[in-house]
PDB file of N, CA and C in Angstrom:
ATOM      1  N   MET A   1      20.883   9.073  -3.410  1.00  0.00           N
ATOM      2  CA  MET A   1      19.534   9.287  -3.875  1.00  0.00           C
ATOM      3  C   MET A   1      18.998  10.628  -3.367  1.00  0.00           C
ATOM      4  N   ALA A   2      19.290  10.970  -2.121  1.00  0.00           N
ATOM      5  CA  ALA A   2      18.811  12.235  -1.563  1.00  0.00           C
ATOM      6  C   ALA A   2      19.414  13.416  -2.304  1.00  0.00           C
ATOM      7  N   SER A   3      20.689  13.298  -2.673  1.00  0.00           N
ATOM      8  CA  SER A   3      21.323  14.408  -3.391  1.00  0.00           C
ATOM      9  C   SER A   3      20.693  14.591  -4.767  1.00  0.00           C
ATOM     10  N   THR A   4      20.318  13.491  -5.413  1.00  0.00           N
ATOM     11  CA  THR A   4      19.647  13.578  -6.707  1.00  0.00           C
ATOM     12  C   THR A   4      18.302  14.273  -6.562  1.00  0.00           C
ATOM     13  N   PHE A   5      17.578  13.939  -5.495  1.00  0.00           N
ATOM     14  CA  PHE A   5      16.282  14.563  -5.259  1.00  0.00           C
ATOM     15  C   PHE A   5      16.442  16.056  -5.009  1.00  0.00           C
ATOM     16  N   PHE A   6      17.408  16.441  -4.188  1.00  0.00           N
ATOM     17  CA  PHE A   6      17.605  17.866  -3.894  1.00  0.00           C
ATOM     18  C   PHE A   6      18.093  18.629  -5.119  1.00  0.00           C
ATOM     19  N   THR A   7      18.858  17.972  -5.971  1.00  0.00           N
ATOM     20  CA  THR A   7      19.271  18.596  -7.233  1.00  0.00           C
ATOM     21  C   THR A   7      18.050  18.828  -8.111  1.00  0.00           C
ATOM     22  N   TRP A   8      17.181  17.842  -8.179  1.00  0.00           N
ATOM     23  CA  TRP A   8      15.948  17.980  -8.964  1.00  0.00           C
ATOM     24  C   TRP A   8      15.064  19.076  -8.390  1.00  0.00           C
ATOM     25  N   LEU A   9      15.011  19.180  -7.053  1.00  0.00           N
ATOM     26  CA  LEU A   9      14.176  20.185  -6.408  1.00  0.00           C
ATOM     27  C   LEU A   9      14.570  21.603  -6.806  1.00  0.00           C
ATOM     28  N   ARG A  10      15.839  21.824  -7.070  1.00  0.00           N
ATOM     29  CA  ARG A  10      16.319  23.158  -7.455  1.00  0.00           C
ATOM     30  C   ARG A  10      16.188  23.418  -8.958  1.00  0.00           C
ATOM     31  N   SER A  11      15.772  22.422  -9.700  1.00  0.00           N
ATOM     32  CA  SER A  11      15.727  22.552 -11.157  1.00  0.00           C
ATOM     33  C   SER A  11      14.442  23.241 -11.620  1.00  0.00           C
ATOM     34  N   PRO A  12      14.442  23.767 -12.854  1.00  0.00           N
ATOM     35  CA  PRO A  12      13.215  24.348 -13.415  1.00  0.00           C
ATOM     36  C   PRO A  12      12.098  23.316 -13.576  1.00  0.00           C
ATOM     37  N   ALA A  13      12.457  22.054 -13.780  1.00  0.00           N
ATOM     38  CA  ALA A  13      11.435  21.004 -13.915  1.00  0.00           C
ATOM     39  C   ALA A  13      10.635  20.854 -12.624  1.00  0.00           C
ATOM     40  N   ALA A  14      11.300  20.982 -11.486  1.00  0.00           N
ATOM     41  CA  ALA A  14      10.598  20.889 -10.201  1.00  0.00           C
ATOM     42  C   ALA A  14       9.655  22.067 -10.024  1.00  0.00           C
ATOM     43  N   ARG A  15      10.121  23.252 -10.352  1.00  0.00           N
ATOM     44  CA  ARG A  15       9.248  24.423 -10.248  1.00  0.00           C
ATOM     45  C   ARG A  15       8.044  24.272 -11.173  1.00  0.00           C
ATOM     46  N   GLU A  16       8.291  23.765 -12.365  1.00  0.00           N
ATOM     47  CA  GLU A  16       7.190  23.550 -13.312  1.00  0.00           C
ATOM     48  C   GLU A  16       6.177  22.551 -12.755  1.00  0.00           C
ATOM     49  N   TYR A  17       6.675  21.485 -12.097  1.00  0.00           N
ATOM     50  CA  TYR A  17       5.796  20.477 -11.517  1.00  0.00           C
ATOM     51  C   TYR A  17       4.994  21.051 -10.349  1.00  0.00           C
ATOM     52  N   PHE A  18       5.657  21.750  -9.450  1.00  0.00           N
ATOM     53  CA  PHE A  18       4.978  22.262  -8.255  1.00  0.00           C
ATOM     54  C   PHE A  18       3.998  23.400  -8.557  1.00  0.00           C
ATOM     55  N   PHE A  19       4.127  24.011  -9.710  1.00  0.00           N
ATOM     56  CA  PHE A  19       3.182  25.063 -10.101  1.00  0.00           C
ATOM     57  C   PHE A  19       2.184  24.569 -11.146  1.00  0.00           C
ATOM     58  N   SER A  20       2.025  23.266 -11.252  1.00  0.00           N
ATOM     59  CA  SER A  20       1.099  22.706 -12.249  1.00  0.00           C
ATOM     60  C   SER A  20      -0.090  22.041 -11.558  1.00  0.00           C
ATOM     61  N   ALA A  21      -1.073  21.719 -12.370  1.00  0.00           N
ATOM     62  CA  ALA A  21      -2.262  21.023 -11.865  1.00  0.00           C
ATOM     63  C   ALA A  21      -1.937  19.582 -11.495  1.00  0.00           C
ATOM     64  N   HIS A  22      -0.821  19.030 -12.024  1.00  0.00           N
ATOM     65  CA  HIS A  22      -0.433  17.668 -11.677  1.00  0.00           C
ATOM     66  C   HIS A  22      -0.029  17.554 -10.215  1.00  0.00           C
ATOM     67  N   PHE A  23       0.331  18.670  -9.590  1.00  0.00           N
ATOM     68  CA  PHE A  23       0.662  18.646  -8.175  1.00  0.00           C
ATOM     69  C   PHE A  23      -0.483  19.175  -7.313  1.00  0.00           C
ATOM     70  N   TRP A  24      -0.989  20.359  -7.628  1.00  0.00           N
ATOM     71  CA  TRP A  24      -1.975  21.007  -6.768  1.00  0.00           C
ATOM     72  C   TRP A  24      -3.343  20.335  -6.798  1.00  0.00           C
ATOM     73  N   GLY A  25      -3.719  19.733  -7.907  1.00  0.00           N
ATOM     74  CA  GLY A  25      -4.992  19.004  -7.954  1.00  0.00           C
ATOM     75  C   GLY A  25      -5.021  17.862  -6.946  1.00  0.00           C
ATOM     76  N   PRO A  26      -4.058  16.938  -7.035  1.00  0.00           N
ATOM     77  CA  PRO A  26      -4.038  15.842  -6.052  1.00  0.00           C
ATOM     78  C   PRO A  26      -3.758  16.324  -4.630  1.00  0.00           C
ATOM     79  N   ALA A  27      -2.929  17.354  -4.481  1.00  0.00           N
ATOM     80  CA  ALA A  27      -2.637  17.843  -3.133  1.00  0.00           C
ATOM     81  C   ALA A  27      -3.904  18.363  -2.471  1.00  0.00           C
ATOM     82  N   ALA A  28      -4.714  19.091  -3.213  1.00  0.00           N
ATOM     83  CA  ALA A  28      -5.980  19.591  -2.666  1.00  0.00           C
ATOM     84  C   ALA A  28      -6.978  18.456  -2.481  1.00  0.00           C
ATOM     85  N   ASN A  29      -6.874  17.439  -3.308  1.00  0.00           N
ATOM     86  CA  ASN A  29      -7.801  16.309  -3.266  1.00  0.00           C
ATOM     87  C   ASN A  29      -7.554  15.397  -2.063  1.00  0.00           C
ATOM     88  N   TRP A  30      -6.415  15.524  -1.390  1.00  0.00           N
ATOM     89  CA  TRP A  30      -6.115  14.663  -0.247  1.00  0.00           C
ATOM     90  C   TRP A  30      -7.087  14.870   0.907  1.00  0.00           C
ATOM     91  N   GLY A  31      -7.874  15.939   0.883  1.00  0.00           N
ATOM     92  CA  GLY A  31      -8.882  16.141   1.921  1.00  0.00           C
ATOM     93  C   GLY A  31      -9.906  15.019   1.954  1.00  0.00           C
ATOM     94  N   LEU A  32     -10.226  14.472   0.783  1.00  0.00           N
ATOM     95  CA  LEU A  32     -11.210  13.392   0.678  1.00  0.00           C
ATOM     96  C   LEU A  32     -10.750  12.124   1.408  1.00  0.00           C
ATOM     97  N   PRO A  33      -9.566  11.578   1.110  1.00  0.00           N
ATOM     98  CA  PRO A  33      -9.155  10.372   1.836  1.00  0.00           C
ATOM     99  C   PRO A  33      -8.837  10.634   3.306  1.00  0.00           C
ATOM    100  N   LEU A  34      -8.352  11.834   3.633  1.00  0.00           N
ATOM    101  CA  LEU A  34      -8.091  12.137   5.040  1.00  0.00           C
ATOM    102  C   LEU A  34      -9.388  12.155   5.841  1.00  0.00           C
ATOM    103  N   ALA A  35     -10.442  12.712   5.264  1.00  0.00           N
ATOM    104  CA  ALA A  35     -11.753  12.690   5.925  1.00  0.00           C
ATOM    105  C   ALA A  35     -12.274  11.260   6.047  1.00  0.00           C
ATOM    106  N   ALA A  36     -12.063  10.455   5.007  1.00  0.00           N
ATOM    107  CA  ALA A  36     -12.517   9.062   5.050  1.00  0.00           C
ATOM    108  C   ALA A  36     -11.773   8.282   6.127  1.00  0.00           C
ATOM    109  N   LEU A  37     -10.479   8.530   6.264  1.00  0.00           N
ATOM    110  CA  LEU A  37      -9.712   7.855   7.309  1.00  0.00           C
ATOM    111  C   LEU A  37     -10.159   8.305   8.700  1.00  0.00           C
ATOM    112  N   ALA A  38     -10.492   9.582   8.843  1.00  0.00           N
ATOM    113  CA  ALA A  38     -10.991  10.081  10.130  1.00  0.00           C
ATOM    114  C   ALA A  38     -12.351   9.483  10.450  1.00  0.00           C
ATOM    115  N   ASP A  39     -13.164   9.217   9.436  1.00  0.00           N
ATOM    116  CA  ASP A  39     -14.498   8.646   9.639  1.00  0.00           C
ATOM    117  C   ASP A  39     -14.463   7.183  10.083  1.00  0.00           C
ATOM    118  N   LEU A  40     -13.320   6.530   9.953  1.00  0.00           N
ATOM    119  CA  LEU A  40     -13.233   5.130  10.362  1.00  0.00           C
ATOM    120  C   LEU A  40     -13.450   4.967  11.864  1.00  0.00           C
ATOM    121  N   ARG A  41     -13.266   6.027  12.619  1.00  0.00           N
ATOM    122  CA  ARG A  41     -13.457   5.973  14.073  1.00  0.00           C
ATOM    123  C   ARG A  41     -14.898   6.292  14.486  1.00  0.00           C
ATOM    124  N   LYS A  42     -15.699   6.766  13.570  1.00  0.00           N
ATOM    125  CA  LYS A  42     -17.074   7.151  13.905  1.00  0.00           C
ATOM    126  C   LYS A  42     -17.975   5.924  14.005  1.00  0.00           C
ATOM    127  N   ASP A  43     -19.120   6.130  14.623  1.00  0.00           N
ATOM    128  CA  ASP A  43     -20.098   5.066  14.802  1.00  0.00           C
ATOM    129  C   ASP A  43     -20.647   4.607  13.447  1.00  0.00           C
ATOM    130  N   GLU A  44     -20.921   3.324  13.335  1.00  0.00           N
ATOM    131  CA  GLU A  44     -21.417   2.762  12.073  1.00  0.00           C
ATOM    132  C   GLU A  44     -22.803   3.283  11.704  1.00  0.00           C
ATOM    133  N   GLU A  45     -23.547   3.746  12.678  1.00  0.00           N
ATOM    134  CA  GLU A  45     -24.904   4.200  12.417  1.00  0.00           C
ATOM    135  C   GLU A  45     -24.942   5.435  11.517  1.00  0.00           C
ATOM    136  N   VAL A  46     -23.883   6.225  11.504  1.00  0.00           N
ATOM    137  CA  VAL A  46     -23.878   7.460  10.720  1.00  0.00           C
ATOM    138  C   VAL A  46     -23.297   7.269   9.311  1.00  0.00           C
ATOM    139  N   ILE A  47     -22.900   6.062   8.964  1.00  0.00           N
ATOM    140  CA  ILE A  47     -22.341   5.805   7.638  1.00  0.00           C
ATOM    141  C   ILE A  47     -23.467   5.777   6.617  1.00  0.00           C
ATOM    142  N   SER A  48     -23.281   6.504   5.519  1.00  0.00           N
ATOM    143  CA  SER A  48     -24.245   6.485   4.423  1.00  0.00           C
ATOM    144  C   SER A  48     -23.773   5.466   3.386  1.00  0.00           C
ATOM    145  N   GLY A  49     -24.522   4.409   3.220  1.00  0.00           N
ATOM    146  CA  GLY A  49     -24.153   3.364   2.262  1.00  0.00           C
ATOM    147  C   GLY A  49     -24.066   3.858   0.829  1.00  0.00           C
ATOM    148  N   PRO A  50     -25.094   4.582   0.332  1.00  0.00           N
ATOM    149  CA  PRO A  50     -25.028   5.057  -1.050  1.00  0.00           C
ATOM    150  C   PRO A  50     -23.872   6.040  -1.296  1.00  0.00           C
ATOM    151  N   MET A  51     -23.614   6.923  -0.335  1.00  0.00           N
ATOM    152  CA  MET A  51     -22.526   7.883  -0.518  1.00  0.00           C
ATOM    153  C   MET A  51     -21.167   7.185  -0.472  1.00  0.00           C
ATOM    154  N   THR A  52     -21.035   6.221   0.409  1.00  0.00           N
ATOM    155  CA  THR A  52     -19.782   5.469   0.496  1.00  0.00           C
ATOM    156  C   THR A  52     -19.523   4.714  -0.799  1.00  0.00           C
ATOM    157  N   SER A  53     -20.552   4.100  -1.354  1.00  0.00           N
ATOM    158  CA  SER A  53     -20.399   3.386  -2.629  1.00  0.00           C
ATOM    159  C   SER A  53     -20.041   4.345  -3.759  1.00  0.00           C
ATOM    160  N   ALA A  54     -20.685   5.507  -3.783  1.00  0.00           N
ATOM    161  CA  ALA A  54     -20.400   6.496  -4.826  1.00  0.00           C
ATOM    162  C   ALA A  54     -18.962   6.996  -4.727  1.00  0.00           C
ATOM    163  N   LEU A  55     -18.491   7.262  -3.523  1.00  0.00           N
ATOM    164  CA  LEU A  55     -17.118   7.740  -3.355  1.00  0.00           C
ATOM    165  C   LEU A  55     -16.093   6.664  -3.707  1.00  0.00           C
ATOM    166  N   ALA A  56     -16.409   5.411  -3.399  1.00  0.00           N
ATOM    167  CA  ALA A  56     -15.500   4.319  -3.766  1.00  0.00           C
ATOM    168  C   ALA A  56     -15.421   4.183  -5.286  1.00  0.00           C
ATOM    169  N   CYS A  57     -16.563   4.245  -5.960  1.00  0.00           N
ATOM    170  CA  CYS A  57     -16.579   4.159  -7.431  1.00  0.00           C
ATOM    171  C   CYS A  57     -15.851   5.340  -8.062  1.00  0.00           C
ATOM    172  N   LEU A  58     -16.067   6.534  -7.530  1.00  0.00           N
ATOM    173  CA  LEU A  58     -15.385   7.722  -8.036  1.00  0.00           C
ATOM    174  C   LEU A  58     -13.869   7.555  -7.939  1.00  0.00           C
ATOM    175  N   SER A  59     -13.413   7.061  -6.810  1.00  0.00           N
ATOM    176  CA  SER A  59     -11.975   6.896  -6.620  1.00  0.00           C
ATOM    177  C   SER A  59     -11.399   5.826  -7.536  1.00  0.00           C
ATOM    178  N   ILE A  60     -12.159   4.771  -7.771  1.00  0.00           N
ATOM    179  CA  ILE A  60     -11.682   3.722  -8.682  1.00  0.00           C
ATOM    180  C   ILE A  60     -11.551   4.270 -10.106  1.00  0.00           C
ATOM    181  N   VAL A  61     -12.526   5.062 -10.532  1.00  0.00           N
ATOM    182  CA  VAL A  61     -12.468   5.671 -11.867  1.00  0.00           C
ATOM    183  C   VAL A  61     -11.271   6.619 -11.974  1.00  0.00           C
ATOM    184  N   PHE A  62     -11.070   7.446 -10.960  1.00  0.00           N
ATOM    185  CA  PHE A  62      -9.962   8.399 -11.018  1.00  0.00           C
ATOM    186  C   PHE A  62      -8.610   7.732 -10.839  1.00  0.00           C
ATOM    187  N   MET A  63      -8.565   6.572 -10.181  1.00  0.00           N
ATOM    188  CA  MET A  63      -7.308   5.815 -10.133  1.00  0.00           C
ATOM    189  C   MET A  63      -6.908   5.391 -11.545  1.00  0.00           C
ATOM    190  N   ARG A  64      -7.877   4.926 -12.301  1.00  0.00           N
ATOM    191  CA  ARG A  64      -7.592   4.525 -13.682  1.00  0.00           C
ATOM    192  C   ARG A  64      -7.154   5.733 -14.506  1.00  0.00           C
ATOM    193  N   PHE A  65      -7.845   6.862 -14.315  1.00  0.00           N
ATOM    194  CA  PHE A  65      -7.462   8.075 -15.038  1.00  0.00           C
ATOM    195  C   PHE A  65      -6.029   8.490 -14.705  1.00  0.00           C
ATOM    196  N   ALA A  66      -5.685   8.489 -13.420  1.00  0.00           N
ATOM    197  CA  ALA A  66      -4.346   8.898 -12.995  1.00  0.00           C
ATOM    198  C   ALA A  66      -3.275   7.971 -13.566  1.00  0.00           C
ATOM    199  N   TRP A  67      -3.636   6.719 -13.779  1.00  0.00           N
ATOM    200  CA  TRP A  67      -2.670   5.771 -14.329  1.00  0.00           C
ATOM    201  C   TRP A  67      -2.549   5.920 -15.850  1.00  0.00           C
ATOM    202  N   ARG A  68      -3.637   6.241 -16.520  1.00  0.00           N
ATOM    203  CA  ARG A  68      -3.632   6.303 -17.979  1.00  0.00           C
ATOM    204  C   ARG A  68      -3.129   7.630 -18.536  1.00  0.00           C
ATOM    205  N   VAL A  69      -3.282   8.723 -17.782  1.00  0.00           N
ATOM    206  CA  VAL A  69      -2.878  10.033 -18.278  1.00  0.00           C
ATOM    207  C   VAL A  69      -1.352  10.064 -18.438  1.00  0.00           C
ATOM    208  N   GLN A  70      -0.890  10.814 -19.424  1.00  0.00           N
ATOM    209  CA  GLN A  70       0.552  10.935 -19.652  1.00  0.00           C
ATOM    210  C   GLN A  70       1.003  12.355 -19.362  1.00  0.00           C
ATOM    211  N   PRO A  71       1.960  12.589 -18.539  1.00  0.00           N
ATOM    212  CA  PRO A  71       2.697  11.625 -17.718  1.00  0.00           C
ATOM    213  C   PRO A  71       1.814  11.120 -16.576  1.00  0.00           C
ATOM    214  N   ARG A  72       2.118   9.912 -16.114  1.00  0.00           N
ATOM    215  CA  ARG A  72       1.311   9.320 -15.052  1.00  0.00           C
ATOM    216  C   ARG A  72       1.343  10.198 -13.808  1.00  0.00           C
ATOM    217  N   ASN A  73       0.182  10.326 -13.190  1.00  0.00           N
ATOM    218  CA  ASN A  73       0.061  11.171 -12.008  1.00  0.00           C
ATOM    219  C   ASN A  73       0.012  10.266 -10.776  1.00  0.00           C
ATOM    220  N   TYR A  74       1.192   9.957 -10.248  1.00  0.00           N
ATOM    221  CA  TYR A  74       1.297   9.032  -9.126  1.00  0.00           C
ATOM    222  C   TYR A  74       0.680   9.611  -7.848  1.00  0.00           C
ATOM    223  N   LEU A  75       0.767  10.916  -7.675  1.00  0.00           N
ATOM    224  CA  LEU A  75       0.193  11.546  -6.489  1.00  0.00           C
ATOM    225  C   LEU A  75      -1.337  11.410  -6.495  1.00  0.00           C
ATOM    226  N   LEU A  76      -1.952  11.625  -7.642  1.00  0.00           N
ATOM    227  CA  LEU A  76      -3.403  11.458  -7.761  1.00  0.00           C
ATOM    228  C   LEU A  76      -3.792   9.992  -7.584  1.00  0.00           C
ATOM    229  N   PHE A  77      -2.985   9.092  -8.133  1.00  0.00           N
ATOM    230  CA  PHE A  77      -3.247   7.664  -7.996  1.00  0.00           C
ATOM    231  C   PHE A  77      -3.201   7.250  -6.527  1.00  0.00           C
ATOM    232  N   ALA A  78      -2.185   7.705  -5.798  1.00  0.00           N
ATOM    233  CA  ALA A  78      -2.053   7.358  -4.381  1.00  0.00           C
ATOM    234  C   ALA A  78      -3.217   7.927  -3.569  1.00  0.00           C
ATOM    235  N   CYS A  79      -3.625   9.136  -3.902  1.00  0.00           N
ATOM    236  CA  CYS A  79      -4.734   9.779  -3.214  1.00  0.00           C
ATOM    237  C   CYS A  79      -6.010   8.954  -3.371  1.00  0.00           C
ATOM    238  N   HIS A  80      -6.320   8.564  -4.587  1.00  0.00           N
ATOM    239  CA  HIS A  80      -7.555   7.818  -4.827  1.00  0.00           C
ATOM    240  C   HIS A  80      -7.454   6.356  -4.395  1.00  0.00           C
ATOM    241  N   ALA A  81      -6.259   5.780  -4.407  1.00  0.00           N
ATOM    242  CA  ALA A  81      -6.096   4.428  -3.876  1.00  0.00           C
ATOM    243  C   ALA A  81      -6.364   4.424  -2.375  1.00  0.00           C
ATOM    244  N   THR A  82      -5.876   5.444  -1.681  1.00  0.00           N
ATOM    245  CA  THR A  82      -6.138   5.573  -0.247  1.00  0.00           C
ATOM    246  C   THR A  82      -7.628   5.748   0.013  1.00  0.00           C
ATOM    247  N   ASN A  83      -8.266   6.604  -0.778  1.00  0.00           N
ATOM    248  CA  ASN A  83      -9.698   6.842  -0.584  1.00  0.00           C
ATOM    249  C   ASN A  83     -10.517   5.594  -0.913  1.00  0.00           C
ATOM    250  N   ALA A  84     -10.186   4.901  -1.981  1.00  0.00           N
ATOM    251  CA  ALA A  84     -10.932   3.685  -2.342  1.00  0.00           C
ATOM    252  C   ALA A  84     -10.807   2.632  -1.244  1.00  0.00           C
ATOM    253  N   THR A  85      -9.626   2.514  -0.659  1.00  0.00           N
ATOM    254  CA  THR A  85      -9.423   1.560   0.432  1.00  0.00           C
ATOM    255  C   THR A  85     -10.247   1.953   1.655  1.00  0.00           C
ATOM    256  N   ALA A  86     -10.183   3.232   2.030  1.00  0.00           N
ATOM    257  CA  ALA A  86     -10.941   3.696   3.197  1.00  0.00           C
ATOM    258  C   ALA A  86     -12.447   3.554   2.969  1.00  0.00           C
ATOM    259  N   GLN A  87     -12.920   3.871   1.775  1.00  0.00           N
ATOM    260  CA  GLN A  87     -14.350   3.736   1.488  1.00  0.00           C
ATOM    261  C   GLN A  87     -14.767   2.270   1.465  1.00  0.00           C
ATOM    262  N   GLY A  88     -13.885   1.398   1.002  1.00  0.00           N
ATOM    263  CA  GLY A  88     -14.179  -0.039   1.030  1.00  0.00           C
ATOM    264  C   GLY A  88     -14.337  -0.547   2.458  1.00  0.00           C
ATOM    265  N   ILE A  89     -13.471  -0.081   3.339  1.00  0.00           N
ATOM    266  CA  ILE A  89     -13.581  -0.460   4.754  1.00  0.00           C
ATOM    267  C   ILE A  89     -14.878   0.085   5.335  1.00  0.00           C
ATOM    268  N   GLN A  90     -15.215   1.324   4.987  1.00  0.00           N
ATOM    269  CA  GLN A  90     -16.470   1.902   5.463  1.00  0.00           C
ATOM    270  C   GLN A  90     -17.676   1.103   4.955  1.00  0.00           C
ATOM    271  N   GLU A  91     -17.630   0.681   3.708  1.00  0.00           N
ATOM    272  CA  GLU A  91     -18.734  -0.098   3.137  1.00  0.00           C
ATOM    273  C   GLU A  91     -18.887  -1.429   3.864  1.00  0.00           C
ATOM    274  N   ILE A  92     -17.771  -2.061   4.205  1.00  0.00           N
ATOM    275  CA  ILE A  92     -17.818  -3.310   4.974  1.00  0.00           C
ATOM    276  C   ILE A  92     -18.430  -3.057   6.343  1.00  0.00           C
ATOM    277  N   ARG A  93     -18.020  -1.975   6.994  1.00  0.00           N
ATOM    278  CA  ARG A  93     -18.584  -1.627   8.303  1.00  0.00           C
ATOM    279  C   ARG A  93     -20.086  -1.369   8.179  1.00  0.00           C
ATOM    280  N   PHE A  94     -20.506  -0.670   7.118  1.00  0.00           N
ATOM    281  CA  PHE A  94     -21.926  -0.383   6.890  1.00  0.00           C
ATOM    282  C   PHE A  94     -22.725  -1.673   6.726  1.00  0.00           C
ATOM    283  N   MET A  95     -22.232  -2.556   5.864  1.00  0.00           N
ATOM    284  CA  MET A  95     -22.942  -3.818   5.599  1.00  0.00           C
ATOM    285  C   MET A  95     -23.013  -4.676   6.863  1.00  0.00           C
ATOM    286  N   ARG A  96     -21.912  -4.738   7.585  1.00  0.00           N
ATOM    287  CA  ARG A  96     -21.877  -5.538   8.802  1.00  0.00           C
ATOM    288  C   ARG A  96     -22.861  -4.993   9.839  1.00  0.00           C
ATOM    289  N   TYR A  97     -22.950  -3.687   9.951  1.00  0.00           N
ATOM    290  CA  TYR A  97     -23.816  -3.078  10.963  1.00  0.00           C
ATOM    291  C   TYR A  97     -25.297  -3.199  10.601  1.00  0.00           C
ATOM    292  N   TRP A  98     -25.643  -2.846   9.358  1.00  0.00           N
ATOM    293  CA  TRP A  98     -27.059  -2.777   8.988  1.00  0.00           C
ATOM    294  C   TRP A  98     -27.632  -4.097   8.492  1.00  0.00           C
ATOM    295  N   TYR A  99     -26.817  -4.965   7.906  1.00  0.00           N
ATOM    296  CA  TYR A  99     -27.371  -6.167   7.273  1.00  0.00           C
ATOM    297  C   TYR A  99     -26.881  -7.495   7.852  1.00  0.00           C
ATOM    298  N   LEU A 100     -25.809  -7.483   8.632  1.00  0.00           N
ATOM    299  CA  LEU A 100     -25.258  -8.745   9.128  1.00  0.00           C
ATOM    300  C   LEU A 100     -25.311  -8.862  10.650  1.00  0.00           C
ATOM    301  N   GLY A 101     -26.239  -8.139  11.270  1.00  0.00           N
ATOM    302  CA  GLY A 101     -26.464  -8.303  12.697  1.00  0.00           C
ATOM    303  C   GLY A 101     -25.609  -7.454  13.616  1.00  0.00           C
ATOM    304  N   GLY A 102     -24.847  -6.540  13.086  1.00  0.00           N
ATOM    305  CA  GLY A 102     -23.999  -5.700  13.934  1.00  0.00           C
ATOM    306  C   GLY A 102     -24.785  -4.764  14.826  1.00  0.00           C
ATOM    307  N   ARG A 103     -25.898  -4.258  14.318  1.00  0.00           N
ATOM    308  CA  ARG A 103     -26.727  -3.344  15.100  1.00  0.00           C
ATOM    309  C   ARG A 103     -27.323  -4.071  16.304  1.00  0.00           C
ATOM    310  N   GLU A 104     -27.798  -5.286  16.094  1.00  0.00           N
ATOM    311  CA  GLU A 104     -28.369  -6.061  17.187  1.00  0.00           C
ATOM    312  C   GLU A 104     -27.302  -6.438  18.206  1.00  0.00           C
ATOM    313  N   ASP A 105     -26.132  -6.821  17.729  1.00  0.00           N
ATOM    314  CA  ASP A 105     -25.041  -7.170  18.634  1.00  0.00           C
ATOM    315  C   ASP A 105     -24.623  -5.976  19.479  1.00  0.00           C
ATOM    316  N   LYS A 106     -24.590  -4.819  18.847  1.00  0.00           N
ATOM    317  CA  LYS A 106     -24.140  -3.618  19.539  1.00  0.00           C
ATOM    318  C   LYS A 106     -25.142  -3.154  20.587  1.00  0.00           C
ATOM    319  N   SER A 107     -26.416  -3.240  20.270  1.00  0.00           N
ATOM    320  CA  SER A 107     -27.443  -2.752  21.198  1.00  0.00           C
ATOM    321  C   SER A 107     -27.916  -3.823  22.170  1.00  0.00           C
ATOM    322  N   GLY A 108     -27.566  -5.061  21.929  1.00  0.00           N
ATOM    323  CA  GLY A 108     -27.995  -6.135  22.821  1.00  0.00           C
ATOM    324  C   GLY A 108     -29.434  -6.541  22.614  1.00  0.00           C
ATOM    325  N   VAL A 109     -30.018  -6.222  21.459  1.00  0.00           N
ATOM    326  CA  VAL A 109     -31.423  -6.547  21.186  1.00  0.00           C
ATOM    327  C   VAL A 109     -31.627  -8.051  21.158  1.00  0.00           C
ATOM    328  N   THR A 110     -30.703  -8.790  20.600  1.00  0.00           N
ATOM    329  CA  THR A 110     -30.855 -10.231  20.471  1.00  0.00           C
ATOM    330  C   THR A 110     -30.947 -10.894  21.839  1.00  0.00           C
ATOM    331  N   SER A 111     -30.086 -10.471  22.765  1.00  0.00           N
ATOM    332  CA  SER A 111     -30.118 -11.083  24.087  1.00  0.00           C
ATOM    333  C   SER A 111     -31.384 -10.707  24.839  1.00  0.00           C
ATOM    334  N   GLN A 112     -31.899  -9.490  24.646  1.00  0.00           N
ATOM    335  CA  GLN A 112     -33.125  -9.077  25.310  1.00  0.00           C
ATOM    336  C   GLN A 112     -34.307  -9.886  24.803  1.00  0.00           C
ATOM    337  N   VAL A 113     -34.380 -10.109  23.508  1.00  0.00           N
ATOM    338  CA  VAL A 113     -35.476 -10.897  22.932  1.00  0.00           C
ATOM    339  C   VAL A 113     -35.377 -12.339  23.427  1.00  0.00           C
ATOM    340  N   GLY A 114     -34.181 -12.870  23.466  1.00  0.00           N
ATOM    341  CA  GLY A 114     -33.982 -14.242  23.946  1.00  0.00           C
ATOM    342  C   GLY A 114     -34.394 -14.390  25.400  1.00  0.00           C
ATOM    343  N   ASP A 115     -34.107 -13.394  26.232  1.00  0.00           N
ATOM    344  CA  ASP A 115     -34.498 -13.430  27.637  1.00  0.00           C
ATOM    345  C   ASP A 115     -36.019 -13.417  27.777  1.00  0.00           C
ATOM    346  N   LYS A 116     -36.711 -12.615  26.975  1.00  0.00           N
ATOM    347  CA  LYS A 116     -38.164 -12.526  27.044  1.00  0.00           C
ATOM    348  C   LYS A 116     -38.811 -13.836  26.595  1.00  0.00           C
ATOM    349  N   VAL A 117     -38.241 -14.492  25.612  1.00  0.00           N
ATOM    350  CA  VAL A 117     -38.773 -15.770  25.133  1.00  0.00           C
ATOM    351  C   VAL A 117     -38.610 -16.823  26.213  1.00  0.00           C
ATOM    352  N   ASN A 118     -37.476 -16.819  26.903  1.00  0.00           N
ATOM    353  CA  ASN A 118     -37.234 -17.811  27.960  1.00  0.00           C
ATOM    354  C   ASN A 118     -38.126 -17.580  29.163  1.00  0.00           C
ATOM    355  N   GLU A 119     -38.553 -16.332  29.410  1.00  0.00           N
ATOM    356  CA  GLU A 119     -39.411 -16.030  30.547  1.00  0.00           C
ATOM    357  C   GLU A 119     -40.812 -16.621  30.375  1.00  0.00           C
ATOM    358  N   THR A 120     -41.297 -16.706  29.132  1.00  0.00           N
ATOM    359  CA  THR A 120     -42.677 -17.165  28.914  1.00  0.00           C
ATOM    360  C   THR A 120     -42.809 -18.637  28.830  1.00  0.00           C
TER     361      THR A 120
END
């Protein structure tokens, strides 16, 4: 299999592929999912819910485009599948932090309020 790949790499078809938008578009686009993966380590307070939702929707739309275009653009599909997954995780983190009590758990607000109620 490796010899077949290296034979293809030396062919004019490979040069045509590597000098086309089917390669350089998705290759340049990998910055988006790489940034999203790096953001998974950041604090939940800095996550923008609307932007995360917009980026997830954008990636889902472009995943469909990459699959439907002929010839199929697997590199673009993989790029947007990675981004959609990372944005989905970010959206879960956002919802958990802002709407499901994560902020209170993290700051200890719930225990402080409970202590004050017990004091009175």
